[in-house]
Amino acid sequence: MVSERKERILRIIVEEYVSKGVPVGSGTIAGRGLGVSPATVRNEMYELEEQGFLTQPHTSAGRIPSDKGYRHYVQALMAAVQPSAVEQRLICHQFHQVEREAEEWTRLAAAILSRMLNSVAIVTLPKPSESRLQRLELVSLQELLVLLVLILREAKVKHQLLALEEAVSEDELSSCARRLNAAYVGLMPSLFPVRNMELTPFEEQVTKATAQIMQAEDEEEYEEPQVDGLSHILSQLEFASSKKVAAIVELLEQRSLVKMLLPQVLTGEGLQVVIGGENRYEVMHECSVIVTRYGIPGEVGGAIGVVGPTRMQYDRAIPAVSFLSEVMSDLVNEVYG
């Protein structure tokens, strides 16, 4: 159990260290109106260190928060700083200025978050929980080779070459496409083929290929993300070591973070905060991640979040990510709801 005075000291240390990036001494804390001497503060700091909330760099008499200290701050001590009414109106105005295209939304959301928080922002495209067919087309390329083109929900285009055992005429291709479109448009691949529908061997081939393409699409958990603000990592004190920053930048540039991290942090509901060593991957142990879902639950959505050092402005970053996710959810509802 942490006493009220210890909590006030911990909160001061977190806020001072986040703001200035240098270890915090007892004199600084005593000067913040606690009404106790620096000696008393030192004793409290020692006990907080013993309890795992603080650490002491070898070259300094001051203390800095540990991962446990940041965690307690986020869960119990933080006073959230919501984006101002002016900021919120400006952000909503920017979104309504862009075209109704998901790529534009994700690019803008990443740019706004990165600029607001001086952190790396990651936003994935909205993705349906299950693909639905918008339209299929069949194009003859050679006598025994046909191109199957699928247009899925959100105007995503997929295609595959089909090798035929016997030639199919242009009229047969058109007839097959019309018949299958009439039966399958708007359906998920699990509903192919439609019950009581007699299919020719060629229609069976097209149906099977269509279902396989859509199922493969559904197995991809997250779309290619939009990443903005890599330069902010380079300016952080924590990443002065070129080896450290190179590993993180490589992870972000290769978009590996989405496949590695999002399945871990999005297993729970709501906004997730992963601090330092809580990250599964060692390369991320000096970073914190704030991420949440957006969209229509169970239907279509993506992920939005920020990555920065553990010395992050959690009180501003958490409300900012939450607000942007609400804006993105409203956009998804307008278009796909």
Protein backbone atom coordinates (compact mmCIF):
# COMPACT_ATOMS: atom_id res chain seq x y z
CA MET A 1 0.00 0.00 0.00
CA VAL A 2 1.34 3.45 -0.95
CA SER A 3 0.57 6.32 1.44
CA GLU A 4 -0.99 9.56 0.21
CA ARG A 5 2.29 11.43 0.69
CA LYS A 6 4.26 8.81 -1.21
CA GLU A 7 1.73 9.04 -4.05
CA ARG A 8 2.16 12.82 -4.19
CA ILE A 9 5.93 12.36 -4.31
CA LEU A 10 5.67 9.71 -7.03
CA ARG A 11 3.38 11.94 -9.09
CA ILE A 12 5.81 14.87 -8.80
CA ILE A 13 8.75 12.68 -9.84
CA VAL A 14 6.90 11.32 -12.88
CA GLU A 15 5.77 14.76 -14.03
CA GLU A 16 9.18 16.37 -13.45
CA TYR A 17 11.05 13.56 -15.18
CA VAL A 18 8.66 13.50 -18.14
CA SER A 19 9.01 17.27 -18.49
CA LYS A 20 12.80 17.65 -18.06
CA GLY A 21 14.34 14.23 -18.62
CA VAL A 22 16.70 14.43 -15.64
CA PRO A 23 16.57 12.52 -12.33
CA VAL A 24 14.53 14.29 -9.67
CA GLY A 25 16.09 15.18 -6.31
CA SER A 26 14.52 15.60 -2.88
CA GLY A 27 15.04 19.38 -2.92
CA THR A 28 12.91 19.76 -6.04
CA ILE A 29 10.13 17.71 -4.49
CA ALA A 30 10.27 19.50 -1.12
CA GLY A 31 9.85 22.79 -2.95
CA ARG A 32 6.50 21.67 -4.39
CA GLY A 33 4.48 22.51 -1.27
CA LEU A 34 4.53 19.18 0.54
CA GLY A 35 5.24 20.87 3.87
CA VAL A 36 8.05 18.46 4.81
CA SER A 37 11.84 18.69 4.81
CA PRO A 38 14.11 17.31 2.07
CA ALA A 39 15.29 14.69 4.58
CA THR A 40 11.74 13.41 5.02
CA VAL A 41 11.29 13.37 1.24
CA ARG A 42 14.52 11.35 0.89
CA ASN A 43 13.20 8.76 3.31
CA GLU A 44 9.94 8.49 1.37
CA MET A 45 11.85 8.22 -1.91
CA TYR A 46 14.00 5.45 -0.44
CA GLU A 47 10.89 3.50 0.54
CA LEU A 48 9.34 4.04 -2.91
CA GLU A 49 12.55 2.69 -4.43
CA GLU A 50 12.44 -0.32 -2.10
CA GLN A 51 8.85 -0.96 -3.22
CA GLY A 52 9.92 -0.85 -6.89
CA PHE A 53 8.26 2.42 -7.92
CA LEU A 54 11.52 4.36 -8.43
CA THR A 55 15.05 3.65 -9.60
CA GLN A 56 18.28 5.56 -9.04
CA PRO A 57 20.70 6.06 -11.93
CA HIS A 58 24.24 5.25 -10.83
CA THR A 59 25.58 8.73 -11.55
CA SER A 60 22.82 10.73 -9.87
CA ALA A 61 21.42 11.37 -6.41
CA GLY A 62 17.97 11.84 -7.93
CA ARG A 63 15.39 9.21 -8.79
CA ILE A 64 13.42 8.32 -11.91
CA PRO A 65 10.20 6.30 -12.26
CA SER A 66 10.40 2.56 -12.89
CA ASP A 67 7.93 0.75 -15.13
CA LYS A 68 5.97 -0.05 -11.96
CA GLY A 69 6.00 3.64 -11.03
CA TYR A 70 4.67 4.67 -14.43
CA ARG A 71 2.01 1.95 -14.20
CA HIS A 72 0.79 3.22 -10.81
CA TYR A 73 0.81 6.78 -12.14
CA VAL A 74 -1.31 5.84 -15.17
CA GLN A 75 -3.79 3.77 -13.17
CA ALA A 76 -4.14 5.88 -10.00
CA LEU A 77 -2.45 9.28 -10.09
CA MET A 78 -2.73 10.75 -13.56
CA ALA A 79 -4.99 13.72 -14.26
CA ALA A 80 -5.94 13.35 -17.95
CA VAL A 81 -5.43 16.42 -20.15
CA GLN A 82 -8.16 16.29 -22.79
CA PRO A 83 -7.58 17.96 -26.18
CA SER A 84 -8.99 21.48 -25.93
CA ALA A 85 -12.28 22.39 -27.58
CA VAL A 86 -10.31 24.34 -30.19
CA GLU A 87 -8.08 21.32 -30.91
CA GLN A 88 -11.09 19.03 -31.19
CA ARG A 89 -12.88 21.34 -33.64
CA LEU A 90 -9.75 21.73 -35.75
CA ILE A 91 -9.19 17.96 -35.89
CA CYS A 92 -12.80 17.28 -36.89
CA HIS A 93 -12.58 20.01 -39.53
CA GLN A 94 -9.42 18.46 -41.00
CA PHE A 95 -11.10 15.07 -41.33
CA HIS A 96 -14.13 16.52 -43.04
CA GLN A 97 -11.84 18.25 -45.55
CA VAL A 98 -10.32 15.00 -46.82
CA GLU A 99 -11.97 12.61 -49.25
CA ARG A 100 -14.08 9.74 -47.98
CA GLU A 101 -11.21 7.29 -48.43
CA ALA A 102 -9.79 5.14 -45.66
CA GLU A 103 -6.20 5.72 -46.79
CA GLU A 104 -6.65 9.48 -46.36
CA TRP A 105 -8.14 9.04 -42.89
CA THR A 106 -5.31 6.84 -41.66
CA ARG A 107 -2.65 9.16 -43.11
CA LEU A 108 -4.27 12.21 -41.49
CA ALA A 109 -4.86 10.48 -38.13
CA ALA A 110 -1.22 9.37 -37.94
CA ALA A 111 0.03 12.86 -38.83
CA ILE A 112 -2.21 14.55 -36.24
CA LEU A 113 -1.28 12.16 -33.41
CA SER A 114 2.42 12.35 -34.21
CA ARG A 115 2.35 16.14 -34.23
CA MET A 116 0.27 16.43 -31.04
CA LEU A 117 2.42 14.06 -28.98
CA ASN A 118 5.89 14.18 -30.58
CA SER A 119 5.74 10.41 -30.79
CA VAL A 120 5.52 7.78 -33.48
CA ALA A 121 1.89 7.25 -34.50
CA ILE A 122 0.58 4.02 -36.03
CA VAL A 123 -2.86 3.69 -37.66
CA THR A 124 -4.13 0.67 -39.57
CA LEU A 125 -6.74 0.78 -42.29
CA PRO A 126 -10.27 -0.26 -41.32
CA LYS A 127 -10.86 -3.91 -42.09
CA PRO A 128 -14.08 -5.95 -41.99
CA SER A 129 -14.22 -8.91 -39.63
CA GLU A 130 -15.28 -10.99 -42.64
CA SER A 131 -14.89 -10.08 -46.31
CA ARG A 132 -17.98 -9.56 -48.42
CA LEU A 133 -18.06 -9.75 -52.18
CA GLN A 134 -18.86 -6.59 -54.08
CA ARG A 135 -18.37 -7.97 -57.57
CA LEU A 136 -16.37 -10.55 -59.50
CA GLU A 137 -15.16 -10.38 -63.09
CA LEU A 138 -13.65 -12.98 -65.42
CA VAL A 139 -11.18 -11.94 -68.12
CA SER A 140 -9.87 -14.31 -70.80
CA LEU A 141 -6.11 -14.08 -71.19
CA GLN A 142 -5.34 -17.19 -73.23
CA GLU A 143 -7.31 -20.16 -74.41
CA LEU A 144 -6.85 -22.02 -71.10
CA LEU A 145 -6.07 -19.11 -68.79
CA VAL A 146 -8.59 -16.76 -67.11
CA LEU A 147 -8.03 -13.86 -64.74
CA LEU A 148 -10.44 -13.81 -61.78
CA VAL A 149 -10.86 -10.28 -60.42
CA LEU A 150 -12.63 -9.74 -57.09
CA ILE A 151 -13.80 -6.39 -55.76
CA LEU A 152 -14.41 -6.66 -52.03
CA ARG A 153 -16.07 -4.35 -49.57
CA GLU A 154 -14.16 -1.03 -49.22
CA ALA A 155 -13.22 -1.29 -52.92
CA LYS A 156 -10.31 -3.65 -52.27
CA VAL A 157 -9.29 -5.51 -55.43
CA LYS A 158 -7.88 -9.04 -55.48
CA HIS A 159 -7.05 -11.19 -58.47
CA GLN A 160 -5.88 -14.70 -59.32
CA LEU A 161 -5.05 -16.64 -62.48
CA LEU A 162 -7.20 -19.70 -63.16
CA ALA A 163 -5.84 -22.52 -65.30
CA LEU A 164 -8.64 -24.27 -67.21
CA GLU A 165 -8.89 -27.88 -68.31
CA GLU A 166 -10.89 -26.90 -71.40
CA ALA A 167 -11.51 -23.64 -73.21
CA VAL A 168 -14.39 -21.37 -72.13
CA SER A 169 -15.90 -18.82 -74.54
CA GLU A 170 -16.32 -15.11 -73.82
CA ASP A 171 -20.09 -15.62 -73.63
CA GLU A 172 -19.64 -18.39 -71.05
CA LEU A 173 -17.33 -16.16 -68.99
CA SER A 174 -19.88 -13.33 -69.01
CA SER A 175 -22.73 -15.70 -68.18
CA CYS A 176 -20.77 -17.26 -65.31
CA ALA A 177 -19.84 -13.85 -63.86
CA ARG A 178 -23.45 -12.61 -64.05
CA ARG A 179 -24.80 -15.77 -62.41
CA LEU A 180 -22.27 -15.85 -59.58
CA ASN A 181 -22.58 -12.12 -58.92
CA ALA A 182 -26.35 -12.49 -58.63
CA ALA A 183 -25.86 -15.31 -56.10
CA TYR A 184 -22.82 -14.15 -54.09
CA VAL A 185 -22.72 -10.33 -53.98
CA GLY A 186 -22.90 -9.15 -50.38
CA LEU A 187 -22.10 -12.60 -48.97
CA MET A 188 -19.20 -13.84 -46.85
CA PRO A 189 -17.12 -16.75 -48.21
CA SER A 190 -18.53 -19.07 -45.54
CA LEU A 191 -21.89 -18.86 -47.35
CA PHE A 192 -20.50 -20.05 -50.72
CA PRO A 193 -21.97 -21.79 -52.64
CA VAL A 194 -25.58 -20.81 -52.23
CA ARG A 195 -27.77 -23.72 -51.14
CA ASN A 196 -29.77 -25.47 -53.89
CA MET A 197 -27.67 -23.79 -56.61
CA GLU A 198 -26.54 -26.13 -59.38
CA LEU A 199 -23.02 -25.21 -60.56
CA THR A 200 -21.12 -26.16 -63.69
CA PRO A 201 -17.55 -27.45 -63.17
CA PHE A 202 -16.19 -24.06 -64.23
CA GLU A 203 -18.53 -22.23 -61.82
CA GLU A 204 -17.38 -24.57 -59.06
CA GLN A 205 -13.76 -23.70 -59.86
CA VAL A 206 -14.49 -19.96 -59.75
CA THR A 207 -16.50 -20.31 -56.54
CA LYS A 208 -13.73 -22.25 -54.80
CA ALA A 209 -11.06 -19.75 -55.88
CA THR A 210 -13.21 -16.81 -54.79
CA ALA A 211 -13.80 -18.30 -51.34
CA GLN A 212 -10.09 -19.09 -50.89
CA ILE A 213 -9.02 -15.55 -51.80
CA MET A 214 -11.54 -14.01 -49.39
CA GLN A 215 -10.65 -16.43 -46.57
CA ALA A 216 -6.96 -15.58 -46.98
CA GLU A 217 -7.87 -11.90 -46.74
CA ASP A 218 -9.79 -12.55 -43.51
CA GLU A 219 -6.82 -14.35 -41.97
CA GLU A 220 -4.74 -11.17 -42.18
CA GLU A 221 -5.37 -9.61 -38.75
CA TYR A 222 -4.37 -6.03 -39.59
CA GLU A 223 -3.86 -4.03 -42.72
CA GLU A 224 -0.58 -2.36 -43.69
CA PRO A 225 -0.27 0.52 -41.19
CA GLN A 226 0.35 4.20 -41.73
CA VAL A 227 3.38 5.20 -39.62
CA ASP A 228 4.24 8.84 -38.95
CA GLY A 229 6.81 10.58 -36.77
CA LEU A 230 9.87 8.34 -36.92
CA SER A 231 12.01 11.46 -36.56
CA HIS A 232 10.63 11.96 -33.05
CA ILE A 233 12.35 8.76 -31.90
CA LEU A 234 15.70 10.16 -33.03
CA SER A 235 15.32 13.25 -30.82
CA GLN A 236 14.61 11.40 -27.56
CA LEU A 237 17.28 11.33 -24.85
CA GLU A 238 16.60 7.66 -24.17
CA PHE A 239 17.64 6.69 -27.67
CA ALA A 240 20.98 8.49 -27.90
CA SER A 241 22.56 5.10 -28.55
CA SER A 242 22.57 4.55 -32.31
CA LYS A 243 22.19 0.79 -31.80
CA LYS A 244 18.97 1.22 -29.77
CA VAL A 245 17.34 3.64 -32.16
CA ALA A 246 18.36 1.62 -35.22
CA ALA A 247 16.60 -1.48 -33.87
CA ILE A 248 13.38 0.42 -33.13
CA VAL A 249 13.37 2.34 -36.41
CA GLU A 250 13.93 -0.90 -38.33
CA LEU A 251 11.00 -2.46 -36.49
CA LEU A 252 8.74 0.46 -37.34
CA GLU A 253 9.89 0.91 -40.93
CA GLN A 254 9.33 -2.76 -41.71
CA ARG A 255 5.83 -2.49 -40.24
CA SER A 256 6.76 -5.51 -38.10
CA LEU A 257 5.36 -3.82 -35.01
CA VAL A 258 1.79 -4.31 -36.16
CA LYS A 259 2.16 -8.08 -36.59
CA MET A 260 4.26 -8.44 -33.46
CA LEU A 261 2.55 -6.09 -31.07
CA LEU A 262 -1.09 -5.41 -31.90
CA PRO A 263 -2.33 -8.98 -31.39
CA GLN A 264 -0.74 -8.79 -27.92
CA VAL A 265 -2.11 -5.43 -26.80
CA LEU A 266 -5.53 -5.65 -28.44
CA THR A 267 -6.59 -8.87 -26.76
CA GLY A 268 -8.42 -6.83 -24.11
CA GLU A 269 -11.25 -4.37 -24.51
CA GLY A 270 -10.78 -0.62 -24.70
CA LEU A 271 -7.59 1.40 -24.73
CA GLN A 272 -4.42 -0.49 -23.79
CA VAL A 273 -1.23 0.96 -22.29
CA VAL A 274 1.90 -1.23 -22.43
CA ILE A 275 4.83 0.20 -20.47
CA GLY A 276 8.50 -0.67 -20.92
CA GLY A 277 9.24 -4.23 -19.85
CA GLU A 278 5.57 -5.16 -20.19
CA ASN A 279 6.27 -5.33 -23.92
CA ARG A 280 6.85 -8.88 -25.05
CA TYR A 281 9.82 -7.95 -27.25
CA GLU A 282 13.11 -6.85 -25.72
CA VAL A 283 13.73 -4.18 -28.34
CA MET A 284 10.63 -2.38 -27.01
CA HIS A 285 11.57 -2.49 -23.31
CA GLU A 286 12.44 1.21 -23.23
CA CYS A 287 9.23 2.16 -25.05
CA SER A 288 5.59 2.50 -24.14
CA VAL A 289 2.68 1.84 -26.46
CA ILE A 290 -0.82 3.31 -26.21
CA VAL A 291 -3.25 1.70 -28.63
CA THR A 292 -6.94 1.05 -29.10
CA ARG A 293 -9.41 -0.17 -31.69
CA TYR A 294 -11.72 2.04 -33.71
CA GLY A 295 -14.68 1.29 -35.95
CA ILE A 296 -17.88 -0.74 -35.61
CA PRO A 297 -17.36 -3.57 -33.08
CA GLY A 298 -17.61 -6.98 -34.66
CA GLU A 299 -18.01 -5.59 -38.18
CA VAL A 300 -15.25 -3.31 -39.46
CA GLY A 301 -12.40 -1.47 -37.78
CA GLY A 302 -8.70 -0.91 -37.25
CA ALA A 303 -6.15 0.08 -34.63
CA ILE A 304 -4.73 3.47 -33.71
CA GLY A 305 -1.96 4.29 -31.27
CA VAL A 306 1.39 5.87 -30.44
CA VAL A 307 4.85 4.58 -29.56
CA GLY A 308 7.32 6.59 -27.51
CA PRO A 309 9.82 6.30 -24.68
CA THR A 310 8.55 5.22 -21.26
CA ARG A 311 9.11 8.88 -20.35
CA MET A 312 5.91 9.71 -22.19
CA GLN A 313 3.26 12.34 -21.49
CA TYR A 314 0.67 9.71 -20.56
CA ASP A 315 -1.77 12.32 -19.25
CA ARG A 316 -1.96 13.89 -22.71
CA ALA A 317 -1.29 10.86 -24.93
CA ILE A 318 -4.04 8.62 -23.53
CA PRO A 319 -6.87 11.16 -24.06
CA ALA A 320 -5.50 12.09 -27.50
CA VAL A 321 -5.47 8.47 -28.74
CA SER A 322 -8.95 7.96 -27.28
CA PHE A 323 -10.32 11.08 -29.00
CA LEU A 324 -8.83 10.20 -32.40
CA SER A 325 -10.26 6.69 -32.14
CA GLU A 326 -13.72 8.21 -31.57
CA VAL A 327 -13.30 10.44 -34.63
CA MET A 328 -12.23 7.46 -36.75
CA SER A 329 -15.13 5.37 -35.42
CA ASP A 330 -17.58 8.09 -36.44
CA LEU A 331 -16.12 8.14 -39.97
CA VAL A 332 -16.35 4.36 -40.28
CA ASN A 333 -19.96 4.49 -39.09
CA GLU A 334 -20.82 7.16 -41.66
CA VAL A 335 -19.44 5.13 -44.54
CA TYR A 336 -19.95 1.50 -43.54
CA GLY A 337 -22.58 1.57 -40.79
